[in-house]
Amino acid sequence: MIGFLISLVVGGLIGFVAEQIMNREVPGGILGNIILGFLGAWLGGLLLGDWGWTVQGFAVFPAIIGALIVVLIYGWITGKAR
């Protein structure tokens, strides 16, 4: 149970970092950041593998880069939808 909670916190932090770097707000607040962090970790792992620091199963650098890509794609989708 503690591992799951730590995963949520790490995912949220990764999402928050990506949100701040891209200077865009992801809807959903904390839950949106957690989802962004998990999606970013998944995408970063697919594209870049597992290099760098690993925290609770998240390779930090690929996860942040993946989250940046997810924020960019989200911006494109919402920009075209408006």
PDB file of N, CA and C in Angstrom:
ATOM      1  N   MET A   1       0.820  -1.187   0.000  1.00  0.00           N
ATOM      2  CA  MET A   1       0.000   0.000   0.000  1.00  0.00           C
ATOM      3  C   MET A   1       0.871   1.261   0.000  1.00  0.00           C
ATOM      4  N   ILE A   2       1.936   1.255   0.777  1.00  0.00           N
ATOM      5  CA  ILE A   2       2.842   2.407   0.829  1.00  0.00           C
ATOM      6  C   ILE A   2       3.519   2.596  -0.525  1.00  0.00           C
ATOM      7  N   GLY A   3       3.896   1.510  -1.180  1.00  0.00           N
ATOM      8  CA  GLY A   3       4.517   1.602  -2.502  1.00  0.00           C
ATOM      9  C   GLY A   3       3.594   2.244  -3.523  1.00  0.00           C
ATOM     10  N   PHE A   4       2.309   1.913  -3.451  1.00  0.00           N
ATOM     11  CA  PHE A   4       1.317   2.497  -4.352  1.00  0.00           C
ATOM     12  C   PHE A   4       1.197   3.996  -4.107  1.00  0.00           C
ATOM     13  N   LEU A   5       1.154   4.405  -2.849  1.00  0.00           N
ATOM     14  CA  LEU A   5       1.055   5.825  -2.527  1.00  0.00           C
ATOM     15  C   LEU A   5       2.300   6.589  -2.977  1.00  0.00           C
ATOM     16  N   ILE A   6       3.466   5.987  -2.812  1.00  0.00           N
ATOM     17  CA  ILE A   6       4.700   6.622  -3.268  1.00  0.00           C
ATOM     18  C   ILE A   6       4.681   6.747  -4.791  1.00  0.00           C
ATOM     19  N   SER A   7       4.165   5.739  -5.484  1.00  0.00           N
ATOM     20  CA  SER A   7       4.043   5.809  -6.944  1.00  0.00           C
ATOM     21  C   SER A   7       3.137   6.958  -7.364  1.00  0.00           C
ATOM     22  N   LEU A   8       2.051   7.162  -6.645  1.00  0.00           N
ATOM     23  CA  LEU A   8       1.154   8.279  -6.953  1.00  0.00           C
ATOM     24  C   LEU A   8       1.855   9.618  -6.762  1.00  0.00           C
ATOM     25  N   VAL A   9       2.616   9.727  -5.685  1.00  0.00           N
ATOM     26  CA  VAL A   9       3.338  10.975  -5.412  1.00  0.00           C
ATOM     27  C   VAL A   9       4.397  11.228  -6.482  1.00  0.00           C
ATOM     28  N   VAL A  10       5.166  10.201  -6.827  1.00  0.00           N
ATOM     29  CA  VAL A  10       6.207  10.366  -7.840  1.00  0.00           C
ATOM     30  C   VAL A  10       5.578  10.703  -9.198  1.00  0.00           C
ATOM     31  N   GLY A  11       4.498  10.028  -9.561  1.00  0.00           N
ATOM     32  CA  GLY A  11       3.799  10.342 -10.808  1.00  0.00           C
ATOM     33  C   GLY A  11       3.286  11.768 -10.819  1.00  0.00           C
ATOM     34  N   GLY A  12       2.742  12.210  -9.695  1.00  0.00           N
ATOM     35  CA  GLY A  12       2.271  13.588  -9.581  1.00  0.00           C
ATOM     36  C   GLY A  12       3.397  14.600  -9.714  1.00  0.00           C
ATOM     37  N   LEU A  13       4.538  14.308  -9.110  1.00  0.00           N
ATOM     38  CA  LEU A  13       5.679  15.215  -9.214  1.00  0.00           C
ATOM     39  C   LEU A  13       6.214  15.291 -10.642  1.00  0.00           C
ATOM     40  N   ILE A  14       6.272  14.152 -11.320  1.00  0.00           N
ATOM     41  CA  ILE A  14       6.727  14.143 -12.710  1.00  0.00           C
ATOM     42  C   ILE A  14       5.767  14.947 -13.579  1.00  0.00           C
ATOM     43  N   GLY A  15       4.474  14.768 -13.370  1.00  0.00           N
ATOM     44  CA  GLY A  15       3.483  15.550 -14.106  1.00  0.00           C
ATOM     45  C   GLY A  15       3.593  17.029 -13.819  1.00  0.00           C
ATOM     46  N   PHE A  16       3.819  17.384 -12.559  1.00  0.00           N
ATOM     47  CA  PHE A  16       3.962  18.781 -12.162  1.00  0.00           C
ATOM     48  C   PHE A  16       5.185  19.411 -12.808  1.00  0.00           C
ATOM     49  N   VAL A  17       6.303  18.696 -12.820  1.00  0.00           N
ATOM     50  CA  VAL A  17       7.527  19.220 -13.427  1.00  0.00           C
ATOM     51  C   VAL A  17       7.306  19.470 -14.923  1.00  0.00           C
ATOM     52  N   ALA A  18       6.685  18.517 -15.609  1.00  0.00           N
ATOM     53  CA  ALA A  18       6.425  18.690 -17.040  1.00  0.00           C
ATOM     54  C   ALA A  18       5.482  19.867 -17.288  1.00  0.00           C
ATOM     55  N   GLU A  19       4.480  20.009 -16.444  1.00  0.00           N
ATOM     56  CA  GLU A  19       3.528  21.109 -16.566  1.00  0.00           C
ATOM     57  C   GLU A  19       4.235  22.460 -16.394  1.00  0.00           C
ATOM     58  N   GLN A  20       5.152  22.543 -15.456  1.00  0.00           N
ATOM     59  CA  GLN A  20       5.869  23.786 -15.200  1.00  0.00           C
ATOM     60  C   GLN A  20       6.862  24.108 -16.319  1.00  0.00           C
ATOM     61  N   ILE A  21       7.536  23.083 -16.842  1.00  0.00           N
ATOM     62  CA  ILE A  21       8.496  23.307 -17.928  1.00  0.00           C
ATOM     63  C   ILE A  21       7.774  23.804 -19.178  1.00  0.00           C
ATOM     64  N   MET A  22       6.636  23.201 -19.501  1.00  0.00           N
ATOM     65  CA  MET A  22       5.885  23.584 -20.701  1.00  0.00           C
ATOM     66  C   MET A  22       5.047  24.839 -20.476  1.00  0.00           C
ATOM     67  N   ASN A  23       4.912  25.286 -19.243  1.00  0.00           N
ATOM     68  CA  ASN A  23       4.125  26.462 -18.885  1.00  0.00           C
ATOM     69  C   ASN A  23       2.678  26.347 -19.379  1.00  0.00           C
ATOM     70  N   ARG A  24       2.115  25.167 -19.233  1.00  0.00           N
ATOM     71  CA  ARG A  24       0.722  24.908 -19.575  1.00  0.00           C
ATOM     72  C   ARG A  24       0.064  24.210 -18.404  1.00  0.00           C
ATOM     73  N   GLU A  25      -1.204  24.486 -18.221  1.00  0.00           N
ATOM     74  CA  GLU A  25      -1.929  23.859 -17.115  1.00  0.00           C
ATOM     75  C   GLU A  25      -2.729  22.670 -17.641  1.00  0.00           C
ATOM     76  N   VAL A  26      -2.525  21.536 -17.002  1.00  0.00           N
ATOM     77  CA  VAL A  26      -3.258  20.328 -17.351  1.00  0.00           C
ATOM     78  C   VAL A  26      -4.512  20.278 -16.479  1.00  0.00           C
ATOM     79  N   PRO A  27      -5.684  20.035 -17.072  1.00  0.00           N
ATOM     80  CA  PRO A  27      -6.896  20.003 -16.257  1.00  0.00           C
ATOM     81  C   PRO A  27      -6.891  18.828 -15.281  1.00  0.00           C
ATOM     82  N   GLY A  28      -7.593  18.974 -14.216  1.00  0.00           N
ATOM     83  CA  GLY A  28      -7.718  17.896 -13.252  1.00  0.00           C
ATOM     84  C   GLY A  28      -6.882  18.089 -12.005  1.00  0.00           C
ATOM     85  N   GLY A  29      -6.076  19.140 -11.960  1.00  0.00           N
ATOM     86  CA  GLY A  29      -5.283  19.412 -10.770  1.00  0.00           C
ATOM     87  C   GLY A  29      -4.310  18.295 -10.456  1.00  0.00           C
ATOM     88  N   ILE A  30      -4.340  17.836  -9.225  1.00  0.00           N
ATOM     89  CA  ILE A  30      -3.410  16.793  -8.771  1.00  0.00           C
ATOM     90  C   ILE A  30      -3.644  15.488  -9.518  1.00  0.00           C
ATOM     91  N   LEU A  31      -4.895  15.123  -9.715  1.00  0.00           N
ATOM     92  CA  LEU A  31      -5.201  13.884 -10.445  1.00  0.00           C
ATOM     93  C   LEU A  31      -4.701  13.974 -11.880  1.00  0.00           C
ATOM     94  N   GLY A  32      -4.854  15.133 -12.510  1.00  0.00           N
ATOM     95  CA  GLY A  32      -4.339  15.331 -13.866  1.00  0.00           C
ATOM     96  C   GLY A  32      -2.834  15.188 -13.923  1.00  0.00           C
ATOM     97  N   ASN A  33      -2.137  15.708 -12.913  1.00  0.00           N
ATOM     98  CA  ASN A  33      -0.678  15.572 -12.861  1.00  0.00           C
ATOM     99  C   ASN A  33      -0.255  14.127 -12.657  1.00  0.00           C
ATOM    100  N   ILE A  34      -0.991  13.400 -11.841  1.00  0.00           N
ATOM    101  CA  ILE A  34      -0.662  11.987 -11.616  1.00  0.00           C
ATOM    102  C   ILE A  34      -0.841  11.205 -12.914  1.00  0.00           C
ATOM    103  N   ILE A  35      -1.949  11.438 -13.600  1.00  0.00           N
ATOM    104  CA  ILE A  35      -2.195  10.745 -14.872  1.00  0.00           C
ATOM    105  C   ILE A  35      -1.129  11.132 -15.885  1.00  0.00           C
ATOM    106  N   LEU A  36      -0.793  12.427 -15.948  1.00  0.00           N
ATOM    107  CA  LEU A  36       0.257  12.892 -16.849  1.00  0.00           C
ATOM    108  C   LEU A  36       1.590  12.222 -16.528  1.00  0.00           C
ATOM    109  N   GLY A  37       1.916  12.093 -15.254  1.00  0.00           N
ATOM    110  CA  GLY A  37       3.159  11.446 -14.851  1.00  0.00           C
ATOM    111  C   GLY A  37       3.203   9.979 -15.252  1.00  0.00           C
ATOM    112  N   PHE A  38       2.094   9.271 -15.067  1.00  0.00           N
ATOM    113  CA  PHE A  38       2.051   7.860 -15.446  1.00  0.00           C
ATOM    114  C   PHE A  38       2.127   7.690 -16.963  1.00  0.00           C
ATOM    115  N   LEU A  39       1.380   8.511 -17.716  1.00  0.00           N
ATOM    116  CA  LEU A  39       1.445   8.446 -19.174  1.00  0.00           C
ATOM    117  C   LEU A  39       2.839   8.808 -19.676  1.00  0.00           C
ATOM    118  N   GLY A  40       3.429   9.825 -19.066  1.00  0.00           N
ATOM    119  CA  GLY A  40       4.774  10.224 -19.448  1.00  0.00           C
ATOM    120  C   GLY A  40       5.802   9.139 -19.159  1.00  0.00           C
ATOM    121  N   ALA A  41       5.671   8.482 -18.028  1.00  0.00           N
ATOM    122  CA  ALA A  41       6.595   7.394 -17.690  1.00  0.00           C
ATOM    123  C   ALA A  41       6.453   6.243 -18.670  1.00  0.00           C
ATOM    124  N   TRP A  42       5.226   5.950 -19.049  1.00  0.00           N
ATOM    125  CA  TRP A  42       4.988   4.878 -20.020  1.00  0.00           C
ATOM    126  C   TRP A  42       5.581   5.238 -21.382  1.00  0.00           C
ATOM    127  N   LEU A  43       5.275   6.444 -21.876  1.00  0.00           N
ATOM    128  CA  LEU A  43       5.769   6.870 -23.176  1.00  0.00           C
ATOM    129  C   LEU A  43       7.287   7.021 -23.171  1.00  0.00           C
ATOM    130  N   GLY A  44       7.827   7.631 -22.132  1.00  0.00           N
ATOM    131  CA  GLY A  44       9.276   7.779 -22.028  1.00  0.00           C
ATOM    132  C   GLY A  44       9.989   6.443 -21.967  1.00  0.00           C
ATOM    133  N   GLY A  45       9.393   5.483 -21.274  1.00  0.00           N
ATOM    134  CA  GLY A  45       9.980   4.147 -21.221  1.00  0.00           C
ATOM    135  C   GLY A  45       9.973   3.463 -22.573  1.00  0.00           C
ATOM    136  N   LEU A  46       8.901   3.659 -23.334  1.00  0.00           N
ATOM    137  CA  LEU A  46       8.835   3.071 -24.677  1.00  0.00           C
ATOM    138  C   LEU A  46       9.866   3.695 -25.612  1.00  0.00           C
ATOM    139  N   LEU A  47       9.975   5.016 -25.563  1.00  0.00           N
ATOM    140  CA  LEU A  47      10.851   5.715 -26.497  1.00  0.00           C
ATOM    141  C   LEU A  47      12.313   5.698 -26.087  1.00  0.00           C
ATOM    142  N   LEU A  48      12.591   5.825 -24.793  1.00  0.00           N
ATOM    143  CA  LEU A  48      13.966   6.026 -24.337  1.00  0.00           C
ATOM    144  C   LEU A  48      14.524   4.918 -23.462  1.00  0.00           C
ATOM    145  N   GLY A  49      13.691   4.003 -23.033  1.00  0.00           N
ATOM    146  CA  GLY A  49      14.167   2.941 -22.155  1.00  0.00           C
ATOM    147  C   GLY A  49      14.270   3.405 -20.713  1.00  0.00           C
ATOM    148  N   ASP A  50      15.024   2.670 -19.925  1.00  0.00           N
ATOM    149  CA  ASP A  50      15.164   2.966 -18.495  1.00  0.00           C
ATOM    150  C   ASP A  50      16.593   3.376 -18.180  1.00  0.00           C
ATOM    151  N   TRP A  51      16.893   4.652 -18.366  1.00  0.00           N
ATOM    152  CA  TRP A  51      18.227   5.153 -18.015  1.00  0.00           C
ATOM    153  C   TRP A  51      18.079   6.277 -17.001  1.00  0.00           C
ATOM    154  N   GLY A  52      19.117   6.503 -16.265  1.00  0.00           N
ATOM    155  CA  GLY A  52      19.081   7.544 -15.242  1.00  0.00           C
ATOM    156  C   GLY A  52      18.548   7.014 -13.932  1.00  0.00           C
ATOM    157  N   TRP A  53      18.178   7.950 -13.082  1.00  0.00           N
ATOM    158  CA  TRP A  53      17.658   7.596 -11.766  1.00  0.00           C
ATOM    159  C   TRP A  53      16.330   6.879 -11.890  1.00  0.00           C
ATOM    160  N   THR A  54      16.127   5.934 -10.996  1.00  0.00           N
ATOM    161  CA  THR A  54      14.856   5.225 -10.930  1.00  0.00           C
ATOM    162  C   THR A  54      14.290   5.400  -9.524  1.00  0.00           C
ATOM    163  N   VAL A  55      13.050   5.875  -9.460  1.00  0.00           N
ATOM    164  CA  VAL A  55      12.368   6.066  -8.187  1.00  0.00           C
ATOM    165  C   VAL A  55      11.036   5.348  -8.264  1.00  0.00           C
ATOM    166  N   GLN A  56      10.860   4.349  -7.419  1.00  0.00           N
ATOM    167  CA  GLN A  56       9.612   3.586  -7.329  1.00  0.00           C
ATOM    168  C   GLN A  56       9.179   3.066  -8.701  1.00  0.00           C
ATOM    169  N   GLY A  57      10.137   2.603  -9.488  1.00  0.00           N
ATOM    170  CA  GLY A  57       9.825   2.033 -10.791  1.00  0.00           C
ATOM    171  C   GLY A  57       9.750   3.043 -11.915  1.00  0.00           C
ATOM    172  N   PHE A  58       9.897   4.339 -11.615  1.00  0.00           N
ATOM    173  CA  PHE A  58       9.881   5.380 -12.639  1.00  0.00           C
ATOM    174  C   PHE A  58      11.318   5.750 -12.983  1.00  0.00           C
ATOM    175  N   ALA A  59      11.698   5.615 -14.251  1.00  0.00           N
ATOM    176  CA  ALA A  59      12.976   6.156 -14.707  1.00  0.00           C
ATOM    177  C   ALA A  59      12.738   7.655 -14.888  1.00  0.00           C
ATOM    178  N   VAL A  60      13.328   8.474 -14.060  1.00  0.00           N
ATOM    179  CA  VAL A  60      12.949   9.877 -13.914  1.00  0.00           C
ATOM    180  C   VAL A  60      13.110  10.668 -15.211  1.00  0.00           C
ATOM    181  N   PHE A  61      14.287  10.631 -15.833  1.00  0.00           N
ATOM    182  CA  PHE A  61      14.505  11.451 -17.030  1.00  0.00           C
ATOM    183  C   PHE A  61      13.615  11.035 -18.199  1.00  0.00           C
ATOM    184  N   PRO A  62      13.535   9.756 -18.552  1.00  0.00           N
ATOM    185  CA  PRO A  62      12.613   9.386 -19.622  1.00  0.00           C
ATOM    186  C   PRO A  62      11.156   9.707 -19.287  1.00  0.00           C
ATOM    187  N   ALA A  63      10.780   9.603 -18.012  1.00  0.00           N
ATOM    188  CA  ALA A  63       9.400   9.906 -17.617  1.00  0.00           C
ATOM    189  C   ALA A  63       9.093  11.388 -17.808  1.00  0.00           C
ATOM    190  N   ILE A  64      10.032  12.253 -17.447  1.00  0.00           N
ATOM    191  CA  ILE A  64       9.807  13.695 -17.627  1.00  0.00           C
ATOM    192  C   ILE A  64       9.749  14.040 -19.109  1.00  0.00           C
ATOM    193  N   ILE A  65      10.638  13.480 -19.897  1.00  0.00           N
ATOM    194  CA  ILE A  65      10.617  13.741 -21.340  1.00  0.00           C
ATOM    195  C   ILE A  65       9.322  13.216 -21.953  1.00  0.00           C
ATOM    196  N   GLY A  66       8.895  12.031 -21.538  1.00  0.00           N
ATOM    197  CA  GLY A  66       7.617  11.496 -22.018  1.00  0.00           C
ATOM    198  C   GLY A  66       6.445  12.364 -21.601  1.00  0.00           C
ATOM    199  N   ALA A  67       6.471  12.882 -20.384  1.00  0.00           N
ATOM    200  CA  ALA A  67       5.397  13.760 -19.915  1.00  0.00           C
ATOM    201  C   ALA A  67       5.385  15.070 -20.691  1.00  0.00           C
ATOM    202  N   LEU A  68       6.558  15.580 -21.052  1.00  0.00           N
ATOM    203  CA  LEU A  68       6.621  16.784 -21.882  1.00  0.00           C
ATOM    204  C   LEU A  68       5.969  16.534 -23.241  1.00  0.00           C
ATOM    205  N   ILE A  69       6.214  15.373 -23.797  1.00  0.00           N
ATOM    206  CA  ILE A  69       5.603  15.014 -25.084  1.00  0.00           C
ATOM    207  C   ILE A  69       4.087  14.909 -24.943  1.00  0.00           C
ATOM    208  N   VAL A  70       3.630  14.320 -23.841  1.00  0.00           N
ATOM    209  CA  VAL A  70       2.183  14.191 -23.609  1.00  0.00           C
ATOM    210  C   VAL A  70       1.545  15.570 -23.474  1.00  0.00           C
ATOM    211  N   VAL A  71       2.193  16.495 -22.755  1.00  0.00           N
ATOM    212  CA  VAL A  71       1.657  17.855 -22.611  1.00  0.00           C
ATOM    213  C   VAL A  71       1.619  18.539 -23.979  1.00  0.00           C
ATOM    214  N   LEU A  72       2.640  18.350 -24.783  1.00  0.00           N
ATOM    215  CA  LEU A  72       2.681  18.935 -26.119  1.00  0.00           C
ATOM    216  C   LEU A  72       1.551  18.399 -26.991  1.00  0.00           C
ATOM    217  N   ILE A  73       1.347  17.105 -26.970  1.00  0.00           N
ATOM    218  CA  ILE A  73       0.261  16.494 -27.742  1.00  0.00           C
ATOM    219  C   ILE A  73      -1.090  16.987 -27.232  1.00  0.00           C
ATOM    220  N   TYR A  74      -1.244  17.076 -25.927  1.00  0.00           N
ATOM    221  CA  TYR A  74      -2.491  17.579 -25.349  1.00  0.00           C
ATOM    222  C   TYR A  74      -2.759  19.015 -25.815  1.00  0.00           C
ATOM    223  N   GLY A  75      -1.715  19.839 -25.854  1.00  0.00           N
ATOM    224  CA  GLY A  75      -1.856  21.223 -26.318  1.00  0.00           C
ATOM    225  C   GLY A  75      -2.293  21.287 -27.771  1.00  0.00           C
ATOM    226  N   TRP A  76      -1.731  20.402 -28.592  1.00  0.00           N
ATOM    227  CA  TRP A  76      -2.134  20.371 -29.991  1.00  0.00           C
ATOM    228  C   TRP A  76      -3.599  19.974 -30.144  1.00  0.00           C
ATOM    229  N   ILE A  77      -4.010  18.951 -29.379  1.00  0.00           N
ATOM    230  CA  ILE A  77      -5.394  18.468 -29.485  1.00  0.00           C
ATOM    231  C   ILE A  77      -6.373  19.537 -29.023  1.00  0.00           C
ATOM    232  N   THR A  78      -6.115  20.151 -27.896  1.00  0.00           N
ATOM    233  CA  THR A  78      -7.048  21.152 -27.386  1.00  0.00           C
ATOM    234  C   THR A  78      -6.981  22.438 -28.206  1.00  0.00           C
ATOM    235  N   GLY A  79      -5.845  22.743 -28.792  1.00  0.00           N
ATOM    236  CA  GLY A  79      -5.730  23.923 -29.636  1.00  0.00           C
ATOM    237  C   GLY A  79      -6.530  23.767 -30.919  1.00  0.00           C
ATOM    238  N   LYS A  80      -6.562  22.556 -31.469  1.00  0.00           N
ATOM    239  CA  LYS A  80      -7.323  22.291 -32.687  1.00  0.00           C
ATOM    240  C   LYS A  80      -8.805  22.165 -32.410  1.00  0.00           C
ATOM    241  N   ALA A  81      -9.150  21.749 -31.192  1.00  0.00           N
ATOM    242  CA  ALA A  81     -10.561  21.554 -30.850  1.00  0.00           C
ATOM    243  C   ALA A  81     -11.280  22.870 -30.604  1.00  0.00           C
ATOM    244  N   ARG A  82     -10.535  23.926 -30.290  1.00  0.00           N
ATOM    245  CA  ARG A  82     -11.173  25.216 -29.974  1.00  0.00           C
ATOM    246  C   ARG A  82     -11.497  25.989 -31.193  1.00  0.00           C
TER     247      ARG A  82
END
